[in-house]
Amino acid sequence: MSNLNGKTAVVTGAASGIGKEIALELAKAGAAVAIADLNQDGANAVAEEIKRAGGKAIGVAMDVTNEDAVNSGIDKVAETFGSVDILVSNAGIQIVNPIENYAFADWK
């Protein structure tokens, strides 16, 4: 990965799995990373892991299906790091319904 010193990244769904690994790689490349997840404790744990390795990170509670929660989380990132340069939209959103009950808007 390129040198990302001075850049800020937000990774959604980053308390575990692929999102966590992406966040760790971004931090290794020098980015300050916001670990955004529904699981605040998990997000904080990943942020602490990054900080122990010498990186910059914060955990941010974020439900990506809630616009107010997203705005609040991004405000926290901006207050902490100044700006957002990279967004990794990794959080999985699942709408579970029988096929005949799906609204057309859900297919978009």
PDB file of N, CA and C in Angstrom:
ATOM      1  N   MET A   1       0.850  -1.180   0.000  1.00  0.00           N
ATOM      2  CA  MET A   1       0.000   0.000   0.000  1.00  0.00           C
ATOM      3  C   MET A   1       0.892   1.239   0.000  1.00  0.00           C
ATOM      4  N   SER A   2       0.422   2.283  -0.622  1.00  0.00           N
ATOM      5  CA  SER A   2       1.160   3.547  -0.718  1.00  0.00           C
ATOM      6  C   SER A   2       1.348   4.195   0.646  1.00  0.00           C
ATOM      7  N   ASN A   3       2.179   5.209   0.687  1.00  0.00           N
ATOM      8  CA  ASN A   3       2.367   5.991   1.897  1.00  0.00           C
ATOM      9  C   ASN A   3       1.133   6.862   2.112  1.00  0.00           C
ATOM     10  N   LEU A   4       0.475   6.661   3.227  1.00  0.00           N
ATOM     11  CA  LEU A   4      -0.747   7.409   3.537  1.00  0.00           C
ATOM     12  C   LEU A   4      -0.560   8.364   4.706  1.00  0.00           C
ATOM     13  N   ASN A   5       0.682   8.715   4.991  1.00  0.00           N
ATOM     14  CA  ASN A   5       0.938   9.672   6.074  1.00  0.00           C
ATOM     15  C   ASN A   5       0.157  10.953   5.828  1.00  0.00           C
ATOM     16  N   GLY A   6      -0.485  11.454   6.884  1.00  0.00           N
ATOM     17  CA  GLY A   6      -1.255  12.687   6.785  1.00  0.00           C
ATOM     18  C   GLY A   6      -2.669  12.505   6.269  1.00  0.00           C
ATOM     19  N   LYS A   7      -3.034  11.288   5.927  1.00  0.00           N
ATOM     20  CA  LYS A   7      -4.387  11.006   5.441  1.00  0.00           C
ATOM     21  C   LYS A   7      -5.217  10.410   6.574  1.00  0.00           C
ATOM     22  N   THR A   8      -6.522  10.611   6.489  1.00  0.00           N
ATOM     23  CA  THR A   8      -7.456  10.035   7.457  1.00  0.00           C
ATOM     24  C   THR A   8      -8.416   9.121   6.725  1.00  0.00           C
ATOM     25  N   ALA A   9      -8.590   7.927   7.270  1.00  0.00           N
ATOM     26  CA  ALA A   9      -9.489   6.942   6.680  1.00  0.00           C
ATOM     27  C   ALA A   9     -10.596   6.591   7.662  1.00  0.00           C
ATOM     28  N   VAL A  10     -11.790   6.414   7.136  1.00  0.00           N
ATOM     29  CA  VAL A  10     -12.916   5.874   7.895  1.00  0.00           C
ATOM     30  C   VAL A  10     -13.230   4.518   7.282  1.00  0.00           C
ATOM     31  N   VAL A  11     -13.270   3.491   8.124  1.00  0.00           N
ATOM     32  CA  VAL A  11     -13.613   2.152   7.658  1.00  0.00           C
ATOM     33  C   VAL A  11     -14.846   1.705   8.425  1.00  0.00           C
ATOM     34  N   THR A  12     -15.949   1.485   7.710  1.00  0.00           N
ATOM     35  CA  THR A  12     -17.167   1.014   8.373  1.00  0.00           C
ATOM     36  C   THR A  12     -17.111  -0.506   8.508  1.00  0.00           C
ATOM     37  N   GLY A  13     -17.764  -1.004   9.542  1.00  0.00           N
ATOM     38  CA  GLY A  13     -17.758  -2.440   9.796  1.00  0.00           C
ATOM     39  C   GLY A  13     -16.359  -2.940  10.107  1.00  0.00           C
ATOM     40  N   ALA A  14     -15.592  -2.141  10.847  1.00  0.00           N
ATOM     41  CA  ALA A  14     -14.166  -2.419  11.030  1.00  0.00           C
ATOM     42  C   ALA A  14     -13.809  -3.016  12.385  1.00  0.00           C
ATOM     43  N   ALA A  15     -14.788  -3.408  13.182  1.00  0.00           N
ATOM     44  CA  ALA A  15     -14.477  -4.006  14.480  1.00  0.00           C
ATOM     45  C   ALA A  15     -14.019  -5.451  14.344  1.00  0.00           C
ATOM     46  N   SER A  16     -14.237  -6.049  13.167  1.00  0.00           N
ATOM     47  CA  SER A  16     -13.840  -7.442  12.966  1.00  0.00           C
ATOM     48  C   SER A  16     -13.756  -7.740  11.471  1.00  0.00           C
ATOM     49  N   GLY A  17     -13.267  -8.915  11.174  1.00  0.00           N
ATOM     50  CA  GLY A  17     -13.285  -9.423   9.806  1.00  0.00           C
ATOM     51  C   GLY A  17     -12.492  -8.599   8.806  1.00  0.00           C
ATOM     52  N   ILE A  18     -13.026  -8.526   7.594  1.00  0.00           N
ATOM     53  CA  ILE A  18     -12.358  -7.824   6.501  1.00  0.00           C
ATOM     54  C   ILE A  18     -12.150  -6.351   6.836  1.00  0.00           C
ATOM     55  N   GLY A  19     -13.152  -5.718   7.433  1.00  0.00           N
ATOM     56  CA  GLY A  19     -13.021  -4.305   7.793  1.00  0.00           C
ATOM     57  C   GLY A  19     -11.861  -4.060   8.735  1.00  0.00           C
ATOM     58  N   LYS A  20     -11.700  -4.933   9.711  1.00  0.00           N
ATOM     59  CA  LYS A  20     -10.579  -4.801  10.648  1.00  0.00           C
ATOM     60  C   LYS A  20      -9.259  -4.915   9.908  1.00  0.00           C
ATOM     61  N   GLU A  21      -9.142  -5.896   9.038  1.00  0.00           N
ATOM     62  CA  GLU A  21      -7.889  -6.093   8.306  1.00  0.00           C
ATOM     63  C   GLU A  21      -7.578  -4.900   7.397  1.00  0.00           C
ATOM     64  N   ILE A  22      -8.605  -4.346   6.764  1.00  0.00           N
ATOM     65  CA  ILE A  22      -8.404  -3.142   5.943  1.00  0.00           C
ATOM     66  C   ILE A  22      -7.900  -1.996   6.817  1.00  0.00           C
ATOM     67  N   ALA A  23      -8.528  -1.814   7.976  1.00  0.00           N
ATOM     68  CA  ALA A  23      -8.119  -0.743   8.894  1.00  0.00           C
ATOM     69  C   ALA A  23      -6.672  -0.917   9.342  1.00  0.00           C
ATOM     70  N   LEU A  24      -6.288  -2.139   9.670  1.00  0.00           N
ATOM     71  CA  LEU A  24      -4.913  -2.396  10.099  1.00  0.00           C
ATOM     72  C   LEU A  24      -3.918  -2.073   8.981  1.00  0.00           C
ATOM     73  N   GLU A  25      -4.255  -2.433   7.756  1.00  0.00           N
ATOM     74  CA  GLU A  25      -3.368  -2.144   6.618  1.00  0.00           C
ATOM     75  C   GLU A  25      -3.263  -0.644   6.356  1.00  0.00           C
ATOM     76  N   LEU A  26      -4.384   0.057   6.444  1.00  0.00           N
ATOM     77  CA  LEU A  26      -4.351   1.514   6.267  1.00  0.00           C
ATOM     78  C   LEU A  26      -3.471   2.162   7.331  1.00  0.00           C
ATOM     79  N   ALA A  27      -3.587   1.685   8.560  1.00  0.00           N
ATOM     80  CA  ALA A  27      -2.763   2.224   9.648  1.00  0.00           C
ATOM     81  C   ALA A  27      -1.285   1.932   9.406  1.00  0.00           C
ATOM     82  N   LYS A  28      -0.970   0.722   8.946  1.00  0.00           N
ATOM     83  CA  LYS A  28       0.430   0.377   8.645  1.00  0.00           C
ATOM     84  C   LYS A  28       1.003   1.293   7.569  1.00  0.00           C
ATOM     85  N   ALA A  29       0.137   1.740   6.649  1.00  0.00           N
ATOM     86  CA  ALA A  29       0.572   2.634   5.570  1.00  0.00           C
ATOM     87  C   ALA A  29       0.662   4.088   6.035  1.00  0.00           C
ATOM     88  N   GLY A  30       0.288   4.349   7.294  1.00  0.00           N
ATOM     89  CA  GLY A  30       0.455   5.682   7.857  1.00  0.00           C
ATOM     90  C   GLY A  30      -0.803   6.498   8.049  1.00  0.00           C
ATOM     91  N   ALA A  31      -1.949   5.986   7.623  1.00  0.00           N
ATOM     92  CA  ALA A  31      -3.199   6.738   7.780  1.00  0.00           C
ATOM     93  C   ALA A  31      -3.655   6.737   9.236  1.00  0.00           C
ATOM     94  N   ALA A  32      -4.291   7.828   9.636  1.00  0.00           N
ATOM     95  CA  ALA A  32      -5.059   7.844  10.882  1.00  0.00           C
ATOM     96  C   ALA A  32      -6.381   7.172  10.528  1.00  0.00           C
ATOM     97  N   VAL A  33      -6.836   6.251  11.368  1.00  0.00           N
ATOM     98  CA  VAL A  33      -7.988   5.431  10.997  1.00  0.00           C
ATOM     99  C   VAL A  33      -9.103   5.541  12.030  1.00  0.00           C
ATOM    100  N   ALA A  34     -10.317   5.782  11.529  1.00  0.00           N
ATOM    101  CA  ALA A  34     -11.514   5.732  12.365  1.00  0.00           C
ATOM    102  C   ALA A  34     -12.149   4.369  12.161  1.00  0.00           C
ATOM    103  N   ILE A  35     -12.256   3.617  13.246  1.00  0.00           N
ATOM    104  CA  ILE A  35     -12.858   2.292  13.234  1.00  0.00           C
ATOM    105  C   ILE A  35     -14.335   2.495  13.535  1.00  0.00           C
ATOM    106  N   ALA A  36     -15.171   2.444  12.507  1.00  0.00           N
ATOM    107  CA  ALA A  36     -16.605   2.715  12.653  1.00  0.00           C
ATOM    108  C   ALA A  36     -17.369   1.398  12.648  1.00  0.00           C
ATOM    109  N   ASP A  37     -18.177   1.200  13.686  1.00  0.00           N
ATOM    110  CA  ASP A  37     -18.893  -0.067  13.800  1.00  0.00           C
ATOM    111  C   ASP A  37     -20.057   0.084  14.777  1.00  0.00           C
ATOM    112  N   LEU A  38     -21.049  -0.793  14.634  1.00  0.00           N
ATOM    113  CA  LEU A  38     -22.132  -0.872  15.620  1.00  0.00           C
ATOM    114  C   LEU A  38     -21.585  -1.269  16.988  1.00  0.00           C
ATOM    115  N   ASN A  39     -20.551  -2.091  16.981  1.00  0.00           N
ATOM    116  CA  ASN A  39     -19.942  -2.618  18.196  1.00  0.00           C
ATOM    117  C   ASN A  39     -18.872  -1.639  18.693  1.00  0.00           C
ATOM    118  N   GLN A  40     -19.269  -0.730  19.572  1.00  0.00           N
ATOM    119  CA  GLN A  40     -18.341   0.291  20.085  1.00  0.00           C
ATOM    120  C   GLN A  40     -17.147  -0.336  20.786  1.00  0.00           C
ATOM    121  N   ASP A  41     -17.372  -1.366  21.610  1.00  0.00           N
ATOM    122  CA  ASP A  41     -16.259  -2.001  22.314  1.00  0.00           C
ATOM    123  C   ASP A  41     -15.276  -2.624  21.332  1.00  0.00           C
ATOM    124  N   GLY A  42     -15.798  -3.284  20.306  1.00  0.00           N
ATOM    125  CA  GLY A  42     -14.935  -3.875  19.287  1.00  0.00           C
ATOM    126  C   GLY A  42     -14.169  -2.819  18.514  1.00  0.00           C
ATOM    127  N   ALA A  43     -14.839  -1.718  18.179  1.00  0.00           N
ATOM    128  CA  ALA A  43     -14.181  -0.617  17.467  1.00  0.00           C
ATOM    129  C   ALA A  43     -13.057  -0.037  18.317  1.00  0.00           C
ATOM    130  N   ASN A  44     -13.322   0.146  19.594  1.00  0.00           N
ATOM    131  CA  ASN A  44     -12.299   0.674  20.500  1.00  0.00           C
ATOM    132  C   ASN A  44     -11.114  -0.284  20.613  1.00  0.00           C
ATOM    133  N   ALA A  45     -11.398  -1.592  20.644  1.00  0.00           N
ATOM    134  CA  ALA A  45     -10.323  -2.586  20.755  1.00  0.00           C
ATOM    135  C   ALA A  45      -9.406  -2.546  19.533  1.00  0.00           C
ATOM    136  N   VAL A  46      -9.981  -2.425  18.344  1.00  0.00           N
ATOM    137  CA  VAL A  46      -9.165  -2.336  17.126  1.00  0.00           C
ATOM    138  C   VAL A  46      -8.363  -1.034  17.131  1.00  0.00           C
ATOM    139  N   ALA A  47      -8.984   0.061  17.544  1.00  0.00           N
ATOM    140  CA  ALA A  47      -8.270   1.339  17.627  1.00  0.00           C
ATOM    141  C   ALA A  47      -7.086   1.230  18.589  1.00  0.00           C
ATOM    142  N   GLU A  48      -7.285   0.574  19.716  1.00  0.00           N
ATOM    143  CA  GLU A  48      -6.192   0.397  20.685  1.00  0.00           C
ATOM    144  C   GLU A  48      -5.077  -0.461  20.100  1.00  0.00           C
ATOM    145  N   GLU A  49      -5.446  -1.490  19.341  1.00  0.00           N
ATOM    146  CA  GLU A  49      -4.440  -2.337  18.687  1.00  0.00           C
ATOM    147  C   GLU A  49      -3.571  -1.498  17.741  1.00  0.00           C
ATOM    148  N   ILE A  50      -4.213  -0.637  16.985  1.00  0.00           N
ATOM    149  CA  ILE A  50      -3.479   0.240  16.063  1.00  0.00           C
ATOM    150  C   ILE A  50      -2.568   1.187  16.837  1.00  0.00           C
ATOM    151  N   LYS A  51      -3.073   1.756  17.921  1.00  0.00           N
ATOM    152  CA  LYS A  51      -2.265   2.690  18.715  1.00  0.00           C
ATOM    153  C   LYS A  51      -1.072   1.993  19.361  1.00  0.00           C
ATOM    154  N   ARG A  52      -1.282   0.761  19.831  1.00  0.00           N
ATOM    155  CA  ARG A  52      -0.167   0.007  20.429  1.00  0.00           C
ATOM    156  C   ARG A  52       0.944  -0.242  19.407  1.00  0.00           C
ATOM    157  N   ALA A  53       0.567  -0.334  18.140  1.00  0.00           N
ATOM    158  CA  ALA A  53       1.546  -0.554  17.065  1.00  0.00           C
ATOM    159  C   ALA A  53       2.153   0.762  16.573  1.00  0.00           C
ATOM    160  N   GLY A  54       1.784   1.883  17.206  1.00  0.00           N
ATOM    161  CA  GLY A  54       2.359   3.171  16.852  1.00  0.00           C
ATOM    162  C   GLY A  54       1.522   4.012  15.911  1.00  0.00           C
ATOM    163  N   GLY A  55       0.308   3.557  15.595  1.00  0.00           N
ATOM    164  CA  GLY A  55      -0.553   4.304  14.683  1.00  0.00           C
ATOM    165  C   GLY A  55      -1.518   5.226  15.404  1.00  0.00           C
ATOM    166  N   LYS A  56      -2.313   5.908  14.610  1.00  0.00           N
ATOM    167  CA  LYS A  56      -3.353   6.800  15.129  1.00  0.00           C
ATOM    168  C   LYS A  56      -4.705   6.204  14.767  1.00  0.00           C
ATOM    169  N   ALA A  57      -5.598   6.123  15.766  1.00  0.00           N
ATOM    170  CA  ALA A  57      -6.921   5.552  15.505  1.00  0.00           C
ATOM    171  C   ALA A  57      -7.895   5.941  16.602  1.00  0.00           C
ATOM    172  N   ILE A  58      -9.165   5.940  16.231  1.00  0.00           N
ATOM    173  CA  ILE A  58     -10.250   6.098  17.202  1.00  0.00           C
ATOM    174  C   ILE A  58     -11.344   5.097  16.852  1.00  0.00           C
ATOM    175  N   GLY A  59     -12.072   4.691  17.870  1.00  0.00           N
ATOM    176  CA  GLY A  59     -13.269   3.883  17.665  1.00  0.00           C
ATOM    177  C   GLY A  59     -14.473   4.802  17.615  1.00  0.00           C
ATOM    178  N   VAL A  60     -15.365   4.546  16.673  1.00  0.00           N
ATOM    179  CA  VAL A  60     -16.549   5.385  16.490  1.00  0.00           C
ATOM    180  C   VAL A  60     -17.772   4.483  16.398  1.00  0.00           C
ATOM    181  N   ALA A  61     -18.766   4.736  17.264  1.00  0.00           N
ATOM    182  CA  ALA A  61     -20.029   4.005  17.160  1.00  0.00           C
ATOM    183  C   ALA A  61     -20.762   4.518  15.929  1.00  0.00           C
ATOM    184  N   MET A  62     -21.134   3.602  15.028  1.00  0.00           N
ATOM    185  CA  MET A  62     -21.816   4.049  13.820  1.00  0.00           C
ATOM    186  C   MET A  62     -22.734   2.956  13.283  1.00  0.00           C
ATOM    187  N   ASP A  63     -23.996   3.320  13.138  1.00  0.00           N
ATOM    188  CA  ASP A  63     -24.981   2.488  12.450  1.00  0.00           C
ATOM    189  C   ASP A  63     -25.152   3.111  11.073  1.00  0.00           C
ATOM    190  N   VAL A  64     -24.618   2.455  10.048  1.00  0.00           N
ATOM    191  CA  VAL A  64     -24.619   3.063   8.715  1.00  0.00           C
ATOM    192  C   VAL A  64     -26.008   3.152   8.099  1.00  0.00           C
ATOM    193  N   THR A  65     -27.005   2.571   8.743  1.00  0.00           N
ATOM    194  CA  THR A  65     -28.384   2.695   8.250  1.00  0.00           C
ATOM    195  C   THR A  65     -29.096   3.894   8.857  1.00  0.00           C
ATOM    196  N   ASN A  66     -28.400   4.630   9.730  1.00  0.00           N
ATOM    197  CA  ASN A  66     -28.988   5.770  10.420  1.00  0.00           C
ATOM    198  C   ASN A  66     -28.187   7.028  10.082  1.00  0.00           C
ATOM    199  N   GLU A  67     -28.790   7.926   9.305  1.00  0.00           N
ATOM    200  CA  GLU A  67     -28.081   9.120   8.838  1.00  0.00           C
ATOM    201  C   GLU A  67     -27.540   9.964   9.988  1.00  0.00           C
ATOM    202  N   ASP A  68     -28.314  10.115  11.059  1.00  0.00           N
ATOM    203  CA  ASP A  68     -27.840  10.902  12.204  1.00  0.00           C
ATOM    204  C   ASP A  68     -26.610  10.265  12.842  1.00  0.00           C
ATOM    205  N   ALA A  69     -26.611   8.935  12.946  1.00  0.00           N
ATOM    206  CA  ALA A  69     -25.461   8.231  13.522  1.00  0.00           C
ATOM    207  C   ALA A  69     -24.226   8.393  12.644  1.00  0.00           C
ATOM    208  N   VAL A  70     -24.414   8.340  11.331  1.00  0.00           N
ATOM    209  CA  VAL A  70     -23.293   8.530  10.408  1.00  0.00           C
ATOM    210  C   VAL A  70     -22.748   9.949  10.541  1.00  0.00           C
ATOM    211  N   ASN A  71     -23.630  10.934  10.530  1.00  0.00           N
ATOM    212  CA  ASN A  71     -23.190  12.329  10.656  1.00  0.00           C
ATOM    213  C   ASN A  71     -22.458  12.567  11.968  1.00  0.00           C
ATOM    214  N   SER A  72     -22.975  12.014  13.052  1.00  0.00           N
ATOM    215  CA  SER A  72     -22.338  12.164  14.356  1.00  0.00           C
ATOM    216  C   SER A  72     -20.951  11.525  14.363  1.00  0.00           C
ATOM    217  N   GLY A  73     -20.854  10.344  13.784  1.00  0.00           N
ATOM    218  CA  GLY A  73     -19.566   9.658  13.718  1.00  0.00           C
ATOM    219  C   GLY A  73     -18.544  10.425  12.897  1.00  0.00           C
ATOM    220  N   ILE A  74     -18.969  10.933  11.749  1.00  0.00           N
ATOM    221  CA  ILE A  74     -18.059  11.702  10.897  1.00  0.00           C
ATOM    222  C   ILE A  74     -17.651  13.006  11.584  1.00  0.00           C
ATOM    223  N   ASP A  75     -18.577  13.617  12.318  1.00  0.00           N
ATOM    224  CA  ASP A  75     -18.226  14.815  13.095  1.00  0.00           C
ATOM    225  C   ASP A  75     -17.116  14.506  14.095  1.00  0.00           C
ATOM    226  N   LYS A  76     -17.215  13.344  14.755  1.00  0.00           N
ATOM    227  CA  LYS A  76     -16.192  12.950  15.728  1.00  0.00           C
ATOM    228  C   LYS A  76     -14.840  12.752  15.035  1.00  0.00           C
ATOM    229  N   VAL A  77     -14.870  12.136  13.860  1.00  0.00           N
ATOM    230  CA  VAL A  77     -13.632  11.930  13.103  1.00  0.00           C
ATOM    231  C   VAL A  77     -13.022  13.280  12.726  1.00  0.00           C
ATOM    232  N   ALA A  78     -13.842  14.191  12.225  1.00  0.00           N
ATOM    233  CA  ALA A  78     -13.355  15.515  11.819  1.00  0.00           C
ATOM    234  C   ALA A  78     -12.795  16.288  13.010  1.00  0.00           C
ATOM    235  N   GLU A  79     -13.447  16.185  14.167  1.00  0.00           N
ATOM    236  CA  GLU A  79     -12.946  16.856  15.372  1.00  0.00           C
ATOM    237  C   GLU A  79     -11.590  16.299  15.794  1.00  0.00           C
ATOM    238  N   THR A  80     -11.413  14.998  15.605  1.00  0.00           N
ATOM    239  CA  THR A  80     -10.185  14.340  16.052  1.00  0.00           C
ATOM    240  C   THR A  80      -9.042  14.493  15.058  1.00  0.00           C
ATOM    241  N   PHE A  81      -9.330  14.269  13.775  1.00  0.00           N
ATOM    242  CA  PHE A  81      -8.271  14.220  12.764  1.00  0.00           C
ATOM    243  C   PHE A  81      -8.326  15.354  11.741  1.00  0.00           C
ATOM    244  N   GLY A  82      -9.392  16.144  11.738  1.00  0.00           N
ATOM    245  CA  GLY A  82      -9.468  17.303  10.860  1.00  0.00           C
ATOM    246  C   GLY A  82     -10.207  17.119   9.561  1.00  0.00           C
ATOM    247  N   SER A  83     -10.113  15.972   8.952  1.00  0.00           N
ATOM    248  CA  SER A  83     -10.783  15.751   7.675  1.00  0.00           C
ATOM    249  C   SER A  83     -10.890  14.257   7.412  1.00  0.00           C
ATOM    250  N   VAL A  84     -11.608  13.911   6.368  1.00  0.00           N
ATOM    251  CA  VAL A  84     -11.686  12.521   5.920  1.00  0.00           C
ATOM    252  C   VAL A  84     -11.196  12.495   4.478  1.00  0.00           C
ATOM    253  N   ASP A  85     -10.176  11.686   4.235  1.00  0.00           N
ATOM    254  CA  ASP A  85      -9.605  11.562   2.897  1.00  0.00           C
ATOM    255  C   ASP A  85      -9.999  10.259   2.211  1.00  0.00           C
ATOM    256  N   ILE A  86     -10.234   9.221   3.016  1.00  0.00           N
ATOM    257  CA  ILE A  86     -10.500   7.883   2.487  1.00  0.00           C
ATOM    258  C   ILE A  86     -11.716   7.319   3.208  1.00  0.00           C
ATOM    259  N   LEU A  87     -12.652   6.775   2.447  1.00  0.00           N
ATOM    260  CA  LEU A  87     -13.802   6.081   3.033  1.00  0.00           C
ATOM    261  C   LEU A  87     -13.850   4.676   2.468  1.00  0.00           C
ATOM    262  N   VAL A  88     -13.866   3.693   3.370  1.00  0.00           N
ATOM    263  CA  VAL A  88     -14.063   2.305   2.974  1.00  0.00           C
ATOM    264  C   VAL A  88     -15.428   1.898   3.504  1.00  0.00           C
ATOM    265  N   SER A  89     -16.368   1.755   2.590  1.00  0.00           N
ATOM    266  CA  SER A  89     -17.744   1.411   2.943  1.00  0.00           C
ATOM    267  C   SER A  89     -17.859  -0.107   2.988  1.00  0.00           C
ATOM    268  N   ASN A  90     -17.456  -0.675   4.115  1.00  0.00           N
ATOM    269  CA  ASN A  90     -17.350  -2.116   4.270  1.00  0.00           C
ATOM    270  C   ASN A  90     -18.512  -2.733   5.046  1.00  0.00           C
ATOM    271  N   ALA A  91     -19.241  -1.945   5.816  1.00  0.00           N
ATOM    272  CA  ALA A  91     -20.306  -2.500   6.662  1.00  0.00           C
ATOM    273  C   ALA A  91     -21.337  -3.228   5.811  1.00  0.00           C
ATOM    274  N   GLY A  92     -21.699  -4.403   6.252  1.00  0.00           N
ATOM    275  CA  GLY A  92     -22.711  -5.178   5.542  1.00  0.00           C
ATOM    276  C   GLY A  92     -24.102  -4.820   6.023  1.00  0.00           C
ATOM    277  N   ILE A  93     -24.983  -4.609   5.083  1.00  0.00           N
ATOM    278  CA  ILE A  93     -26.382  -4.332   5.396  1.00  0.00           C
ATOM    279  C   ILE A  93     -27.201  -5.412   4.717  1.00  0.00           C
ATOM    280  N   GLN A  94     -28.065  -6.023   5.479  1.00  0.00           N
ATOM    281  CA  GLN A  94     -28.833  -7.127   4.932  1.00  0.00           C
ATOM    282  C   GLN A  94     -30.312  -6.902   5.185  1.00  0.00           C
ATOM    283  N   ILE A  95     -31.078  -7.010   4.145  1.00  0.00           N
ATOM    284  CA  ILE A  95     -32.532  -6.941   4.256  1.00  0.00           C
ATOM    285  C   ILE A  95     -33.041  -8.345   3.955  1.00  0.00           C
ATOM    286  N   VAL A  96     -33.606  -8.986   4.956  1.00  0.00           N
ATOM    287  CA  VAL A  96     -34.031 -10.371   4.791  1.00  0.00           C
ATOM    288  C   VAL A  96     -35.544 -10.417   4.662  1.00  0.00           C
ATOM    289  N   ASN A  97     -35.995 -10.838   3.498  1.00  0.00           N
ATOM    290  CA  ASN A  97     -37.420 -10.984   3.194  1.00  0.00           C
ATOM    291  C   ASN A  97     -37.576 -12.072   2.147  1.00  0.00           C
ATOM    292  N   PRO A  98     -38.737 -12.690   2.100  1.00  0.00           N
ATOM    293  CA  PRO A  98     -39.020 -13.541   0.938  1.00  0.00           C
ATOM    294  C   PRO A  98     -38.990 -12.661  -0.312  1.00  0.00           C
ATOM    295  N   ILE A  99     -38.565 -13.208  -1.419  1.00  0.00           N
ATOM    296  CA  ILE A  99     -38.377 -12.431  -2.641  1.00  0.00           C
ATOM    297  C   ILE A  99     -39.618 -11.646  -3.032  1.00  0.00           C
ATOM    298  N   GLU A 100     -40.776 -12.207  -2.819  1.00  0.00           N
ATOM    299  CA  GLU A 100     -42.008 -11.521  -3.229  1.00  0.00           C
ATOM    300  C   GLU A 100     -42.321 -10.300  -2.361  1.00  0.00           C
ATOM    301  N   ASN A 101     -41.635 -10.158  -1.222  1.00  0.00           N
ATOM    302  CA  ASN A 101     -41.874  -9.020  -0.333  1.00  0.00           C
ATOM    303  C   ASN A 101     -40.865  -7.884  -0.493  1.00  0.00           C
ATOM    304  N   TYR A 102     -39.899  -8.050  -1.379  1.00  0.00           N
ATOM    305  CA  TYR A 102     -38.913  -6.990  -1.585  1.00  0.00           C
ATOM    306  C   TYR A 102     -39.519  -5.828  -2.357  1.00  0.00           C
ATOM    307  N   ALA A 103     -39.297  -4.640  -1.840  1.00  0.00           N
ATOM    308  CA  ALA A 103     -39.694  -3.429  -2.565  1.00  0.00           C
ATOM    309  C   ALA A 103     -38.659  -3.171  -3.658  1.00  0.00           C
ATOM    310  N   PHE A 104     -39.099  -2.579  -4.751  1.00  0.00           N
ATOM    311  CA  PHE A 104     -38.181  -2.279  -5.847  1.00  0.00           C
ATOM    312  C   PHE A 104     -37.009  -1.422  -5.371  1.00  0.00           C
ATOM    313  N   ALA A 105     -37.266  -0.493  -4.461  1.00  0.00           N
ATOM    314  CA  ALA A 105     -36.210   0.394  -3.951  1.00  0.00           C
ATOM    315  C   ALA A 105     -35.087  -0.393  -3.274  1.00  0.00           C
ATOM    316  N   ASP A 106     -35.411  -1.551  -2.683  1.00  0.00           N
ATOM    317  CA  ASP A 106     -34.393  -2.367  -2.027  1.00  0.00           C
ATOM    318  C   ASP A 106     -33.455  -3.034  -3.025  1.00  0.00           C
ATOM    319  N   TRP A 107     -33.865  -3.156  -4.255  1.00  0.00           N
ATOM    320  CA  TRP A 107     -33.036  -3.759  -5.298  1.00  0.00           C
ATOM    321  C   TRP A 107     -32.042  -2.767  -5.873  1.00  0.00           C
ATOM    322  N   LYS A 108     -32.269  -1.485  -5.667  1.00  0.00           N
ATOM    323  CA  LYS A 108     -31.381  -0.470  -6.248  1.00  0.00           C
ATOM    324  C   LYS A 108     -30.042  -0.467  -5.572  1.00  0.00           C
TER     325      LYS A 108
END
